[in-house]
């Protein structure tokens, strides 16, 4: 998985980059280490005039092999926002995998029902 990190309103320090890469390893394990997947990570400071509140945003957009997944999270701490968005994208990946498998199973059941209808003397 190719990971690209973009920052808006903050500078990308080695500590932030290392933390984001470390947290995205679990996403890589769930998706698989396929180089065709592109993972765009955006870390941003939404406003600069607030003294408190939700001011940091983290977004992950994963594209590849017919999948287009997106997750976003806001928090007062950048590292907490990264953790929240990682959990949300993992949930999205698992949900899309479940939807795909249920679609395949449903199609197989329909083919089986159609095959049973071809021979009406067999029940």
PDB file of N, CA and C in Angstrom:
ATOM      1  N   UNK A   1       0.851  -1.171   0.000  1.00  0.00           N
ATOM      2  CA  UNK A   1       0.000   0.000   0.000  1.00  0.00           C
ATOM      3  C   UNK A   1       0.895   1.233   0.000  1.00  0.00           C
ATOM      4  N   UNK A   2       0.651   2.127  -0.940  1.00  0.00           N
ATOM      5  CA  UNK A   2       1.404   3.371  -1.026  1.00  0.00           C
ATOM      6  C   UNK A   2       0.727   4.420  -0.164  1.00  0.00           C
ATOM      7  N   UNK A   3       1.450   4.966   0.804  1.00  0.00           N
ATOM      8  CA  UNK A   3       0.905   5.938   1.735  1.00  0.00           C
ATOM      9  C   UNK A   3       1.483   7.307   1.422  1.00  0.00           C
ATOM     10  N   UNK A   4       0.598   8.286   1.222  1.00  0.00           N
ATOM     11  CA  UNK A   4       1.000   9.667   0.983  1.00  0.00           C
ATOM     12  C   UNK A   4       0.394  10.522   2.080  1.00  0.00           C
ATOM     13  N   UNK A   5       1.231  11.277   2.778  1.00  0.00           N
ATOM     14  CA  UNK A   5       0.761  12.117   3.870  1.00  0.00           C
ATOM     15  C   UNK A   5       0.849  13.573   3.436  1.00  0.00           C
ATOM     16  N   UNK A   6      -0.283  14.286   3.602  1.00  0.00           N
ATOM     17  CA  UNK A   6      -0.366  15.698   3.270  1.00  0.00           C
ATOM     18  C   UNK A   6      -0.791  16.452   4.519  1.00  0.00           C
ATOM     19  N   UNK A   7      -0.213  17.613   4.752  1.00  0.00           N
ATOM     20  CA  UNK A   7      -0.609  18.421   5.903  1.00  0.00           C
ATOM     21  C   UNK A   7      -1.121  19.767   5.425  1.00  0.00           C
ATOM     22  N   UNK A   8      -2.075  20.307   6.183  1.00  0.00           N
ATOM     23  CA  UNK A   8      -2.644  21.613   5.886  1.00  0.00           C
ATOM     24  C   UNK A   8      -2.695  22.412   7.187  1.00  0.00           C
ATOM     25  N   UNK A   9      -2.018  23.514   7.200  1.00  0.00           N
ATOM     26  CA  UNK A   9      -2.044  24.374   8.385  1.00  0.00           C
ATOM     27  C   UNK A   9      -1.039  23.984   9.451  1.00  0.00           C
ATOM     28  N   UNK A  10      -0.358  22.873   9.288  1.00  0.00           N
ATOM     29  CA  UNK A  10       0.682  22.448  10.225  1.00  0.00           C
ATOM     30  C   UNK A  10       1.862  21.935   9.411  1.00  0.00           C
ATOM     31  N   UNK A  11       3.002  21.847  10.053  1.00  0.00           N
ATOM     32  CA  UNK A  11       4.168  21.301   9.356  1.00  0.00           C
ATOM     33  C   UNK A  11       4.302  19.824   9.692  1.00  0.00           C
ATOM     34  N   UNK A  12       4.735  19.057   8.727  1.00  0.00           N
ATOM     35  CA  UNK A  12       4.899  17.620   8.899  1.00  0.00           C
ATOM     36  C   UNK A  12       6.256  17.358   9.540  1.00  0.00           C
ATOM     37  N   UNK A  13       6.219  17.022  10.813  1.00  0.00           N
ATOM     38  CA  UNK A  13       7.447  16.711  11.529  1.00  0.00           C
ATOM     39  C   UNK A  13       7.731  15.219  11.409  1.00  0.00           C
ATOM     40  N   UNK A  14       8.965  14.812  11.628  1.00  0.00           N
ATOM     41  CA  UNK A  14       9.260  13.372  11.597  1.00  0.00           C
ATOM     42  C   UNK A  14       8.468  12.581  12.638  1.00  0.00           C
ATOM     43  N   UNK A  15       8.179  13.190  13.771  1.00  0.00           N
ATOM     44  CA  UNK A  15       7.407  12.499  14.818  1.00  0.00           C
ATOM     45  C   UNK A  15       5.981  12.222  14.351  1.00  0.00           C
ATOM     46  N   UNK A  16       5.348  13.202  13.720  1.00  0.00           N
ATOM     47  CA  UNK A  16       3.982  13.023  13.223  1.00  0.00           C
ATOM     48  C   UNK A  16       3.968  11.988  12.108  1.00  0.00           C
ATOM     49  N   UNK A  17       4.919  12.075  11.202  1.00  0.00           N
ATOM     50  CA  UNK A  17       4.999  11.127  10.091  1.00  0.00           C
ATOM     51  C   UNK A  17       5.216   9.705  10.592  1.00  0.00           C
ATOM     52  N   UNK A  18       6.099   9.542  11.550  1.00  0.00           N
ATOM     53  CA  UNK A  18       6.375   8.214  12.113  1.00  0.00           C
ATOM     54  C   UNK A  18       5.154   7.664  12.841  1.00  0.00           C
ATOM     55  N   UNK A  19       4.443   8.525  13.591  1.00  0.00           N
ATOM     56  CA  UNK A  19       3.253   8.093  14.312  1.00  0.00           C
ATOM     57  C   UNK A  19       2.159   7.648  13.344  1.00  0.00           C
ATOM     58  N   UNK A  20       1.947   8.428  12.271  1.00  0.00           N
ATOM     59  CA  UNK A  20       0.919   8.073  11.292  1.00  0.00           C
ATOM     60  C   UNK A  20       1.271   6.769  10.583  1.00  0.00           C
ATOM     61  N   UNK A  21       2.533   6.593  10.200  1.00  0.00           N
ATOM     62  CA  UNK A  21       2.957   5.348   9.549  1.00  0.00           C
ATOM     63  C   UNK A  21       2.774   4.150  10.465  1.00  0.00           C
ATOM     64  N   UNK A  22       3.115   4.332  11.733  1.00  0.00           N
ATOM     65  CA  UNK A  22       2.982   3.250  12.715  1.00  0.00           C
ATOM     66  C   UNK A  22       1.519   2.855  12.893  1.00  0.00           C
ATOM     67  N   UNK A  23       0.629   3.845  12.936  1.00  0.00           N
ATOM     68  CA  UNK A  23      -0.796   3.570  13.112  1.00  0.00           C
ATOM     69  C   UNK A  23      -1.420   2.949  11.864  1.00  0.00           C
ATOM     70  N   UNK A  24      -0.895   3.273  10.690  1.00  0.00           N
ATOM     71  CA  UNK A  24      -1.468   2.745   9.453  1.00  0.00           C
ATOM     72  C   UNK A  24      -0.982   1.333   9.135  1.00  0.00           C
ATOM     73  N   UNK A  25      -0.063   0.803   9.921  1.00  0.00           N
ATOM     74  CA  UNK A  25       0.363  -0.584   9.718  1.00  0.00           C
ATOM     75  C   UNK A  25      -0.788  -1.555   9.907  1.00  0.00           C
ATOM     76  N   UNK A  26      -1.681  -1.261  10.864  1.00  0.00           N
ATOM     77  CA  UNK A  26      -2.827  -2.145  11.087  1.00  0.00           C
ATOM     78  C   UNK A  26      -3.780  -2.107   9.891  1.00  0.00           C
ATOM     79  N   UNK A  27      -3.927  -0.953   9.276  1.00  0.00           N
ATOM     80  CA  UNK A  27      -4.763  -0.846   8.079  1.00  0.00           C
ATOM     81  C   UNK A  27      -4.151  -1.677   6.954  1.00  0.00           C
ATOM     82  N   UNK A  28      -2.823  -1.637   6.849  1.00  0.00           N
ATOM     83  CA  UNK A  28      -2.121  -2.429   5.842  1.00  0.00           C
ATOM     84  C   UNK A  28      -2.341  -3.914   6.074  1.00  0.00           C
ATOM     85  N   UNK A  29      -2.365  -4.336   7.338  1.00  0.00           N
ATOM     86  CA  UNK A  29      -2.596  -5.749   7.650  1.00  0.00           C
ATOM     87  C   UNK A  29      -4.015  -6.173   7.267  1.00  0.00           C
ATOM     88  N   UNK A  30      -5.000  -5.284   7.487  1.00  0.00           N
ATOM     89  CA  UNK A  30      -6.392  -5.615   7.176  1.00  0.00           C
ATOM     90  C   UNK A  30      -6.605  -5.668   5.666  1.00  0.00           C
ATOM     91  N   UNK A  31      -6.055  -4.718   4.936  1.00  0.00           N
ATOM     92  CA  UNK A  31      -6.225  -4.673   3.484  1.00  0.00           C
ATOM     93  C   UNK A  31      -5.318  -5.674   2.798  1.00  0.00           C
ATOM     94  N   UNK A  32      -4.115  -5.796   3.278  1.00  0.00           N
ATOM     95  CA  UNK A  32      -3.112  -6.618   2.625  1.00  0.00           C
ATOM     96  C   UNK A  32      -2.031  -5.711   2.070  1.00  0.00           C
ATOM     97  N   UNK A  33      -0.872  -6.241   1.922  1.00  0.00           N
ATOM     98  CA  UNK A  33       0.255  -5.439   1.462  1.00  0.00           C
ATOM     99  C   UNK A  33       0.308  -5.440  -0.064  1.00  0.00           C
ATOM    100  N   UNK A  34      -0.713  -4.876  -0.672  1.00  0.00           N
ATOM    101  CA  UNK A  34      -0.839  -4.820  -2.124  1.00  0.00           C
ATOM    102  C   UNK A  34      -0.419  -3.437  -2.614  1.00  0.00           C
ATOM    103  N   UNK A  35       0.563  -3.348  -3.511  1.00  0.00           N
ATOM    104  CA  UNK A  35       1.017  -2.027  -3.958  1.00  0.00           C
ATOM    105  C   UNK A  35       0.018  -1.280  -4.836  1.00  0.00           C
ATOM    106  N   UNK A  36      -1.059  -1.930  -5.263  1.00  0.00           N
ATOM    107  CA  UNK A  36      -2.036  -1.240  -6.102  1.00  0.00           C
ATOM    108  C   UNK A  36      -2.941  -0.312  -5.290  1.00  0.00           C
ATOM    109  N   UNK A  37      -2.982  -0.472  -3.967  1.00  0.00           N
ATOM    110  CA  UNK A  37      -3.780   0.410  -3.119  1.00  0.00           C
ATOM    111  C   UNK A  37      -3.018   1.704  -2.870  1.00  0.00           C
ATOM    112  N   UNK A  38      -3.732   2.825  -2.977  1.00  0.00           N
ATOM    113  CA  UNK A  38      -3.161   4.136  -2.696  1.00  0.00           C
ATOM    114  C   UNK A  38      -3.899   4.710  -1.499  1.00  0.00           C
ATOM    115  N   UNK A  39      -3.142   5.089  -0.492  1.00  0.00           N
ATOM    116  CA  UNK A  39      -3.709   5.621   0.743  1.00  0.00           C
ATOM    117  C   UNK A  39      -3.267   7.077   0.882  1.00  0.00           C
ATOM    118  N   UNK A  40      -4.221   7.989   0.783  1.00  0.00           N
ATOM    119  CA  UNK A  40      -3.945   9.412   0.957  1.00  0.00           C
ATOM    120  C   UNK A  40      -4.389   9.812   2.356  1.00  0.00           C
ATOM    121  N   UNK A  41      -3.448  10.341   3.133  1.00  0.00           N
ATOM    122  CA  UNK A  41      -3.723  10.781   4.492  1.00  0.00           C
ATOM    123  C   UNK A  41      -3.569  12.292   4.528  1.00  0.00           C
ATOM    124  N   UNK A  42      -4.583  12.971   5.054  1.00  0.00           N
ATOM    125  CA  UNK A  42      -4.487  14.417   5.211  1.00  0.00           C
ATOM    126  C   UNK A  42      -4.628  14.756   6.682  1.00  0.00           C
ATOM    127  N   UNK A  43      -3.648  15.465   7.200  1.00  0.00           N
ATOM    128  CA  UNK A  43      -3.652  15.936   8.576  1.00  0.00           C
ATOM    129  C   UNK A  43      -3.732  17.451   8.524  1.00  0.00           C
ATOM    130  N   UNK A  44      -4.705  18.024   9.222  1.00  0.00           N
ATOM    131  CA  UNK A  44      -4.925  19.460   9.092  1.00  0.00           C
ATOM    132  C   UNK A  44      -5.280  20.081  10.429  1.00  0.00           C
ATOM    133  N   UNK A  45      -4.966  21.344  10.516  1.00  0.00           N
ATOM    134  CA  UNK A  45      -5.431  22.176  11.617  1.00  0.00           C
ATOM    135  C   UNK A  45      -6.550  23.019  11.038  1.00  0.00           C
ATOM    136  N   UNK A  46      -7.774  22.807  11.511  1.00  0.00           N
ATOM    137  CA  UNK A  46      -8.931  23.421  10.862  1.00  0.00           C
ATOM    138  C   UNK A  46      -8.985  24.930  11.078  1.00  0.00           C
ATOM    139  N   UNK A  47      -8.671  25.389  12.283  1.00  0.00           N
ATOM    140  CA  UNK A  47      -8.678  26.827  12.550  1.00  0.00           C
ATOM    141  C   UNK A  47      -7.468  27.186  13.385  1.00  0.00           C
ATOM    142  N   UNK A  48      -7.076  28.437  13.323  1.00  0.00           N
ATOM    143  CA  UNK A  48      -5.937  28.871  14.128  1.00  0.00           C
ATOM    144  C   UNK A  48      -6.330  29.894  15.181  1.00  0.00           C
ATOM    145  N   UNK A  49      -7.606  30.254  15.251  1.00  0.00           N
ATOM    146  CA  UNK A  49      -8.011  31.261  16.218  1.00  0.00           C
ATOM    147  C   UNK A  49      -8.690  30.676  17.458  1.00  0.00           C
ATOM    148  N   UNK A  50      -8.940  29.382  17.490  1.00  0.00           N
ATOM    149  CA  UNK A  50      -9.558  28.765  18.662  1.00  0.00           C
ATOM    150  C   UNK A  50      -8.508  28.445  19.715  1.00  0.00           C
ATOM    151  N   UNK A  51      -8.881  28.620  20.962  1.00  0.00           N
ATOM    152  CA  UNK A  51      -7.999  28.222  22.052  1.00  0.00           C
ATOM    153  C   UNK A  51      -8.338  26.825  22.542  1.00  0.00           C
ATOM    154  N   UNK A  52      -9.579  26.357  22.292  1.00  0.00           N
ATOM    155  CA  UNK A  52      -9.976  25.006  22.677  1.00  0.00           C
ATOM    156  C   UNK A  52     -11.051  24.532  21.715  1.00  0.00           C
ATOM    157  N   UNK A  53     -11.296  23.232  21.729  1.00  0.00           N
ATOM    158  CA  UNK A  53     -12.312  22.665  20.856  1.00  0.00           C
ATOM    159  C   UNK A  53     -11.706  21.751  19.810  1.00  0.00           C
ATOM    160  N   UNK A  54     -12.537  21.257  18.921  1.00  0.00           N
ATOM    161  CA  UNK A  54     -12.082  20.363  17.864  1.00  0.00           C
ATOM    162  C   UNK A  54     -11.373  21.176  16.781  1.00  0.00           C
ATOM    163  N   UNK A  55     -10.045  21.117  16.777  1.00  0.00           N
ATOM    164  CA  UNK A  55      -9.330  21.929  15.803  1.00  0.00           C
ATOM    165  C   UNK A  55      -8.443  21.103  14.872  1.00  0.00           C
ATOM    166  N   UNK A  56      -8.195  19.833  15.173  1.00  0.00           N
ATOM    167  CA  UNK A  56      -7.371  19.001  14.299  1.00  0.00           C
ATOM    168  C   UNK A  56      -8.249  17.997  13.564  1.00  0.00           C
ATOM    169  N   UNK A  57      -7.948  17.795  12.283  1.00  0.00           N
ATOM    170  CA  UNK A  57      -8.718  16.863  11.464  1.00  0.00           C
ATOM    171  C   UNK A  57      -7.757  15.891  10.790  1.00  0.00           C
ATOM    172  N   UNK A  58      -8.154  14.635  10.750  1.00  0.00           N
ATOM    173  CA  UNK A  58      -7.392  13.603  10.041  1.00  0.00           C
ATOM    174  C   UNK A  58      -8.343  12.899   9.091  1.00  0.00           C
ATOM    175  N   UNK A  59      -7.895  12.733   7.841  1.00  0.00           N
ATOM    176  CA  UNK A  59      -8.709  12.066   6.830  1.00  0.00           C
ATOM    177  C   UNK A  59      -7.877  10.996   6.147  1.00  0.00           C
ATOM    178  N   UNK A  60      -8.515   9.884   5.835  1.00  0.00           N
ATOM    179  CA  UNK A  60      -7.864   8.808   5.093  1.00  0.00           C
ATOM    180  C   UNK A  60      -8.756   8.459   3.909  1.00  0.00           C
ATOM    181  N   UNK A  61      -8.141   8.374   2.737  1.00  0.00           N
ATOM    182  CA  UNK A  61      -8.851   7.998   1.513  1.00  0.00           C
ATOM    183  C   UNK A  61      -8.058   6.866   0.866  1.00  0.00           C
ATOM    184  N   UNK A  62      -8.684   5.695   0.753  1.00  0.00           N
ATOM    185  CA  UNK A  62      -8.030   4.524   0.183  1.00  0.00           C
ATOM    186  C   UNK A  62      -8.719   4.167  -1.132  1.00  0.00           C
ATOM    187  N   UNK A  63      -7.920   4.008  -2.183  1.00  0.00           N
ATOM    188  CA  UNK A  63      -8.430   3.664  -3.504  1.00  0.00           C
ATOM    189  C   UNK A  63      -7.616   2.502  -4.048  1.00  0.00           C
ATOM    190  N   UNK A  64      -8.313   1.505  -4.617  1.00  0.00           N
ATOM    191  CA  UNK A  64      -7.630   0.393  -5.262  1.00  0.00           C
ATOM    192  C   UNK A  64      -8.502  -0.832  -5.342  1.00  0.00           C
ATOM    193  N   UNK A  65      -8.332  -1.602  -6.418  1.00  0.00           N
ATOM    194  CA  UNK A  65      -9.055  -2.859  -6.646  1.00  0.00           C
ATOM    195  C   UNK A  65     -10.564  -2.716  -6.472  1.00  0.00           C
ATOM    196  N   UNK A  66     -11.130  -1.697  -7.072  1.00  0.00           N
ATOM    197  CA  UNK A  66     -12.576  -1.516  -7.012  1.00  0.00           C
ATOM    198  C   UNK A  66     -13.086  -0.990  -5.691  1.00  0.00           C
ATOM    199  N   UNK A  67     -12.221  -0.590  -4.811  1.00  0.00           N
ATOM    200  CA  UNK A  67     -12.632  -0.042  -3.524  1.00  0.00           C
ATOM    201  C   UNK A  67     -12.340   1.446  -3.489  1.00  0.00           C
ATOM    202  N   UNK A  68     -13.220   2.182  -2.854  1.00  0.00           N
ATOM    203  CA  UNK A  68     -13.041   3.607  -2.644  1.00  0.00           C
ATOM    204  C   UNK A  68     -13.558   3.908  -1.248  1.00  0.00           C
ATOM    205  N   UNK A  69     -12.660   3.967  -0.280  1.00  0.00           N
ATOM    206  CA  UNK A  69     -13.035   4.110   1.123  1.00  0.00           C
ATOM    207  C   UNK A  69     -12.542   5.444   1.659  1.00  0.00           C
ATOM    208  N   UNK A  70     -13.351   6.066   2.518  1.00  0.00           N
ATOM    209  CA  UNK A  70     -13.005   7.362   3.079  1.00  0.00           C
ATOM    210  C   UNK A  70     -13.427   7.410   4.533  1.00  0.00           C
ATOM    211  N   UNK A  71     -12.575   8.009   5.363  1.00  0.00           N
ATOM    212  CA  UNK A  71     -12.911   8.209   6.769  1.00  0.00           C
ATOM    213  C   UNK A  71     -12.308   9.533   7.219  1.00  0.00           C
ATOM    214  N   UNK A  72     -13.000  10.190   8.143  1.00  0.00           N
ATOM    215  CA  UNK A  72     -12.555  11.472   8.647  1.00  0.00           C
ATOM    216  C   UNK A  72     -12.849  11.560  10.137  1.00  0.00           C
ATOM    217  N   UNK A  73     -11.987  12.262  10.864  1.00  0.00           N
ATOM    218  CA  UNK A  73     -12.196  12.438  12.305  1.00  0.00           C
ATOM    219  C   UNK A  73     -11.612  13.772  12.740  1.00  0.00           C
ATOM    220  N   UNK A  74     -12.257  14.393  13.733  1.00  0.00           N
ATOM    221  CA  UNK A  74     -11.774  15.641  14.311  1.00  0.00           C
ATOM    222  C   UNK A  74     -11.627  15.468  15.810  1.00  0.00           C
ATOM    223  N   UNK A  75     -10.589  16.092  16.353  1.00  0.00           N
ATOM    224  CA  UNK A  75     -10.349  16.039  17.789  1.00  0.00           C
ATOM    225  C   UNK A  75      -9.464  17.211  18.184  1.00  0.00           C
ATOM    226  N   UNK A  76      -9.369  17.458  19.481  1.00  0.00           N
ATOM    227  CA  UNK A  76      -8.537  18.550  19.955  1.00  0.00           C
ATOM    228  C   UNK A  76      -7.060  18.179  19.957  1.00  0.00           C
ATOM    229  N   UNK A  77      -6.755  16.891  19.821  1.00  0.00           N
ATOM    230  CA  UNK A  77      -5.378  16.408  19.768  1.00  0.00           C
ATOM    231  C   UNK A  77      -5.156  15.714  18.420  1.00  0.00           C
ATOM    232  N   UNK A  78      -4.065  16.040  17.754  1.00  0.00           N
ATOM    233  CA  UNK A  78      -3.787  15.470  16.440  1.00  0.00           C
ATOM    234  C   UNK A  78      -3.600  13.959  16.510  1.00  0.00           C
ATOM    235  N   UNK A  79      -2.887  13.488  17.514  1.00  0.00           N
ATOM    236  CA  UNK A  79      -2.625  12.061  17.652  1.00  0.00           C
ATOM    237  C   UNK A  79      -3.916  11.282  17.930  1.00  0.00           C
ATOM    238  N   UNK A  80      -4.810  11.868  18.719  1.00  0.00           N
ATOM    239  CA  UNK A  80      -6.107  11.223  18.979  1.00  0.00           C
ATOM    240  C   UNK A  80      -6.949  11.173  17.704  1.00  0.00           C
ATOM    241  N   UNK A  81      -6.868  12.226  16.887  1.00  0.00           N
ATOM    242  CA  UNK A  81      -7.602  12.242  15.614  1.00  0.00           C
ATOM    243  C   UNK A  81      -7.076  11.156  14.677  1.00  0.00           C
ATOM    244  N   UNK A  82      -5.758  10.941  14.672  1.00  0.00           N
ATOM    245  CA  UNK A  82      -5.173   9.876  13.842  1.00  0.00           C
ATOM    246  C   UNK A  82      -5.673   8.514  14.307  1.00  0.00           C
ATOM    247  N   UNK A  83      -5.709   8.300  15.630  1.00  0.00           N
ATOM    248  CA  UNK A  83      -6.204   7.025  16.159  1.00  0.00           C
ATOM    249  C   UNK A  83      -7.670   6.800  15.811  1.00  0.00           C
ATOM    250  N   UNK A  84      -8.482   7.855  15.929  1.00  0.00           N
ATOM    251  CA  UNK A  84      -9.909   7.728  15.638  1.00  0.00           C
ATOM    252  C   UNK A  84     -10.157   7.416  14.165  1.00  0.00           C
ATOM    253  N   UNK A  85      -9.428   8.085  13.276  1.00  0.00           N
ATOM    254  CA  UNK A  85      -9.648   7.857  11.850  1.00  0.00           C
ATOM    255  C   UNK A  85      -9.146   6.475  11.447  1.00  0.00           C
ATOM    256  N   UNK A  86      -8.102   5.991  12.102  1.00  0.00           N
ATOM    257  CA  UNK A  86      -7.615   4.637  11.806  1.00  0.00           C
ATOM    258  C   UNK A  86      -8.674   3.597  12.172  1.00  0.00           C
ATOM    259  N   UNK A  87      -9.284   3.749  13.343  1.00  0.00           N
ATOM    260  CA  UNK A  87     -10.333   2.810  13.749  1.00  0.00           C
ATOM    261  C   UNK A  87     -11.529   2.866  12.801  1.00  0.00           C
ATOM    262  N   UNK A  88     -11.866   4.070  12.358  1.00  0.00           N
ATOM    263  CA  UNK A  88     -13.012   4.213  11.459  1.00  0.00           C
ATOM    264  C   UNK A  88     -12.735   3.602  10.089  1.00  0.00           C
ATOM    265  N   UNK A  89     -11.529   3.771   9.559  1.00  0.00           N
ATOM    266  CA  UNK A  89     -11.225   3.208   8.234  1.00  0.00           C
ATOM    267  C   UNK A  89     -11.137   1.688   8.309  1.00  0.00           C
ATOM    268  N   UNK A  90     -10.664   1.144   9.415  1.00  0.00           N
ATOM    269  CA  UNK A  90     -10.646  -0.313   9.578  1.00  0.00           C
ATOM    270  C   UNK A  90     -12.070  -0.855   9.604  1.00  0.00           C
ATOM    271  N   UNK A  91     -12.967  -0.127  10.274  1.00  0.00           N
ATOM    272  CA  UNK A  91     -14.373  -0.536  10.293  1.00  0.00           C
ATOM    273  C   UNK A  91     -14.954  -0.500   8.885  1.00  0.00           C
ATOM    274  N   UNK A  92     -14.612   0.529   8.114  1.00  0.00           N
ATOM    275  CA  UNK A  92     -15.081   0.643   6.733  1.00  0.00           C
ATOM    276  C   UNK A  92     -14.563  -0.509   5.861  1.00  0.00           C
ATOM    277  N   UNK A  93     -13.293  -0.856   6.037  1.00  0.00           N
ATOM    278  CA  UNK A  93     -12.698  -1.948   5.242  1.00  0.00           C
ATOM    279  C   UNK A  93     -13.392  -3.263   5.551  1.00  0.00           C
ATOM    280  N   UNK A  94     -13.597  -3.533   6.821  1.00  0.00           N
ATOM    281  CA  UNK A  94     -14.257  -4.790   7.208  1.00  0.00           C
ATOM    282  C   UNK A  94     -15.706  -4.822   6.741  1.00  0.00           C
ATOM    283  N   UNK A  95     -16.397  -3.693   6.798  1.00  0.00           N
ATOM    284  CA  UNK A  95     -17.786  -3.646   6.333  1.00  0.00           C
ATOM    285  C   UNK A  95     -17.869  -3.882   4.831  1.00  0.00           C
ATOM    286  N   UNK A  96     -16.942  -3.290   4.079  1.00  0.00           N
ATOM    287  CA  UNK A  96     -16.981  -3.485   2.625  1.00  0.00           C
ATOM    288  C   UNK A  96     -16.657  -4.923   2.264  1.00  0.00           C
ATOM    289  N   UNK A  97     -15.774  -5.552   3.034  1.00  0.00           N
ATOM    290  CA  UNK A  97     -15.451  -6.955   2.790  1.00  0.00           C
ATOM    291  C   UNK A  97     -16.674  -7.831   3.068  1.00  0.00           C
ATOM    292  N   UNK A  98     -17.397  -7.536   4.145  1.00  0.00           N
ATOM    293  CA  UNK A  98     -18.606  -8.287   4.474  1.00  0.00           C
ATOM    294  C   UNK A  98     -19.684  -8.107   3.429  1.00  0.00           C
ATOM    295  N   UNK A  99     -19.848  -6.885   2.924  1.00  0.00           N
ATOM    296  CA  UNK A  99     -20.840  -6.630   1.884  1.00  0.00           C
ATOM    297  C   UNK A  99     -20.506  -7.405   0.615  1.00  0.00           C
ATOM    298  N   UNK A 100     -19.226  -7.421   0.273  1.00  0.00           N
ATOM    299  CA  UNK A 100     -18.800  -8.133  -0.944  1.00  0.00           C
ATOM    300  C   UNK A 100     -19.052  -9.629  -0.803  1.00  0.00           C
ATOM    301  N   UNK A 101     -18.721 -10.207   0.348  1.00  0.00           N
ATOM    302  CA  UNK A 101     -18.935 -11.638   0.554  1.00  0.00           C
ATOM    303  C   UNK A 101     -20.420 -11.993   0.553  1.00  0.00           C
ATOM    304  N   UNK A 102     -21.253 -11.154   1.171  1.00  0.00           N
ATOM    305  CA  UNK A 102     -22.685 -11.451   1.182  1.00  0.00           C
ATOM    306  C   UNK A 102     -23.270 -11.335  -0.227  1.00  0.00           C
ATOM    307  N   UNK A 103     -22.752 -10.409  -1.022  1.00  0.00           N
ATOM    308  CA  UNK A 103     -23.210 -10.287  -2.404  1.00  0.00           C
ATOM    309  C   UNK A 103     -22.849 -11.533  -3.201  1.00  0.00           C
ATOM    310  N   UNK A 104     -21.656 -12.071  -2.991  1.00  0.00           N
ATOM    311  CA  UNK A 104     -21.234 -13.298  -3.683  1.00  0.00           C
ATOM    312  C   UNK A 104     -22.092 -14.476  -3.249  1.00  0.00           C
ATOM    313  N   UNK A 105     -22.344 -14.576  -1.947  1.00  0.00           N
ATOM    314  CA  UNK A 105     -23.173 -15.681  -1.448  1.00  0.00           C
ATOM    315  C   UNK A 105     -24.602 -15.579  -1.969  1.00  0.00           C
ATOM    316  N   UNK A 106     -25.144 -14.378  -2.019  1.00  0.00           N
ATOM    317  CA  UNK A 106     -26.502 -14.187  -2.517  1.00  0.00           C
ATOM    318  C   UNK A 106     -26.590 -14.572  -3.995  1.00  0.00           C
ATOM    319  N   UNK A 107     -25.572 -14.200  -4.754  1.00  0.00           N
ATOM    320  CA  UNK A 107     -25.549 -14.576  -6.167  1.00  0.00           C
ATOM    321  C   UNK A 107     -25.456 -16.075  -6.354  1.00  0.00           C
ATOM    322  N   UNK A 108     -24.645 -16.735  -5.514  1.00  0.00           N
ATOM    323  CA  UNK A 108     -24.537 -18.192  -5.581  1.00  0.00           C
ATOM    324  C   UNK A 108     -25.840 -18.878  -5.240  1.00  0.00           C
ATOM    325  N   UNK A 109     -26.567 -18.333  -4.260  1.00  0.00           N
ATOM    326  CA  UNK A 109     -27.859 -18.905  -3.891  1.00  0.00           C
ATOM    327  C   UNK A 109     -28.868 -18.749  -5.025  1.00  0.00           C
ATOM    328  N   UNK A 110     -28.811 -17.625  -5.726  1.00  0.00           N
ATOM    329  CA  UNK A 110     -29.726 -17.414  -6.843  1.00  0.00           C
ATOM    330  C   UNK A 110     -29.414 -18.369  -7.994  1.00  0.00           C
ATOM    331  N   UNK A 111     -28.136 -18.608  -8.257  1.00  0.00           N
ATOM    332  CA  UNK A 111     -27.755 -19.557  -9.305  1.00  0.00           C
ATOM    333  C   UNK A 111     -28.224 -20.956  -8.927  1.00  0.00           C
ATOM    334  N   UNK A 112     -28.067 -21.325  -7.666  1.00  0.00           N
ATOM    335  CA  UNK A 112     -28.509 -22.643  -7.205  1.00  0.00           C
ATOM    336  C   UNK A 112     -30.021 -22.791  -7.356  1.00  0.00           C
ATOM    337  N   UNK A 113     -30.764 -21.747  -6.995  1.00  0.00           N
ATOM    338  CA  UNK A 113     -32.221 -21.797  -7.133  1.00  0.00           C
ATOM    339  C   UNK A 113     -32.622 -21.903  -8.601  1.00  0.00           C
ATOM    340  N   UNK A 114     -31.887 -21.218  -9.454  1.00  0.00           N
ATOM    341  CA  UNK A 114     -32.175 -21.285 -10.877  1.00  0.00           C
ATOM    342  C   UNK A 114     -31.880 -22.690 -11.412  1.00  0.00           C
ATOM    343  N   UNK A 115     -30.803 -23.293 -10.953  1.00  0.00           N
ATOM    344  CA  UNK A 115     -30.445 -24.645 -11.392  1.00  0.00           C
ATOM    345  C   UNK A 115     -31.485 -25.657 -10.918  1.00  0.00           C
ATOM    346  N   UNK A 116     -32.024 -25.467  -9.722  1.00  0.00           N
ATOM    347  CA  UNK A 116     -33.072 -26.372  -9.238  1.00  0.00           C
ATOM    348  C   UNK A 116     -34.324 -26.247 -10.090  1.00  0.00           C
ATOM    349  N   UNK A 117     -34.593 -25.051 -10.600  1.00  0.00           N
ATOM    350  CA  UNK A 117     -35.776 -24.837 -11.422  1.00  0.00           C
ATOM    351  C   UNK A 117     -35.652 -25.422 -12.821  1.00  0.00           C
ATOM    352  N   UNK A 118     -34.451 -25.747 -13.236  1.00  0.00           N
ATOM    353  CA  UNK A 118     -34.254 -26.298 -14.577  1.00  0.00           C
ATOM    354  C   UNK A 118     -34.775 -27.726 -14.678  1.00  0.00           C
ATOM    355  N   UNK A 119     -34.709 -28.467 -13.595  1.00  0.00           N
ATOM    356  CA  UNK A 119     -35.171 -29.837 -13.571  1.00  0.00           C
ATOM    357  C   UNK A 119     -36.341 -29.943 -12.599  1.00  0.00           C
ATOM    358  N   UNK A 120     -37.565 -29.696 -13.070  1.00  0.00           N
ATOM    359  CA  UNK A 120     -38.702 -29.658 -12.164  1.00  0.00           C
ATOM    360  C   UNK A 120     -39.038 -31.021 -11.550  1.00  0.00           C
ATOM    361  N   UNK A 121     -38.608 -32.138 -12.165  1.00  0.00           N
ATOM    362  CA  UNK A 121     -38.909 -33.447 -11.602  1.00  0.00           C
ATOM    363  C   UNK A 121     -38.032 -33.760 -10.411  1.00  0.00           C
ATOM    364  N   UNK A 122     -36.919 -33.005 -10.204  1.00  0.00           N
ATOM    365  CA  UNK A 122     -36.076 -33.199  -9.021  1.00  0.00           C
ATOM    366  C   UNK A 122     -36.422 -32.132  -8.003  1.00  0.00           C
ATOM    367  N   UNK A 123     -36.593 -32.539  -6.786  1.00  0.00           N
ATOM    368  CA  UNK A 123     -36.935 -31.594  -5.726  1.00  0.00           C
ATOM    369  C   UNK A 123     -35.847 -31.565  -4.707  1.00  0.00           C
TER     370      UNK A 123
END
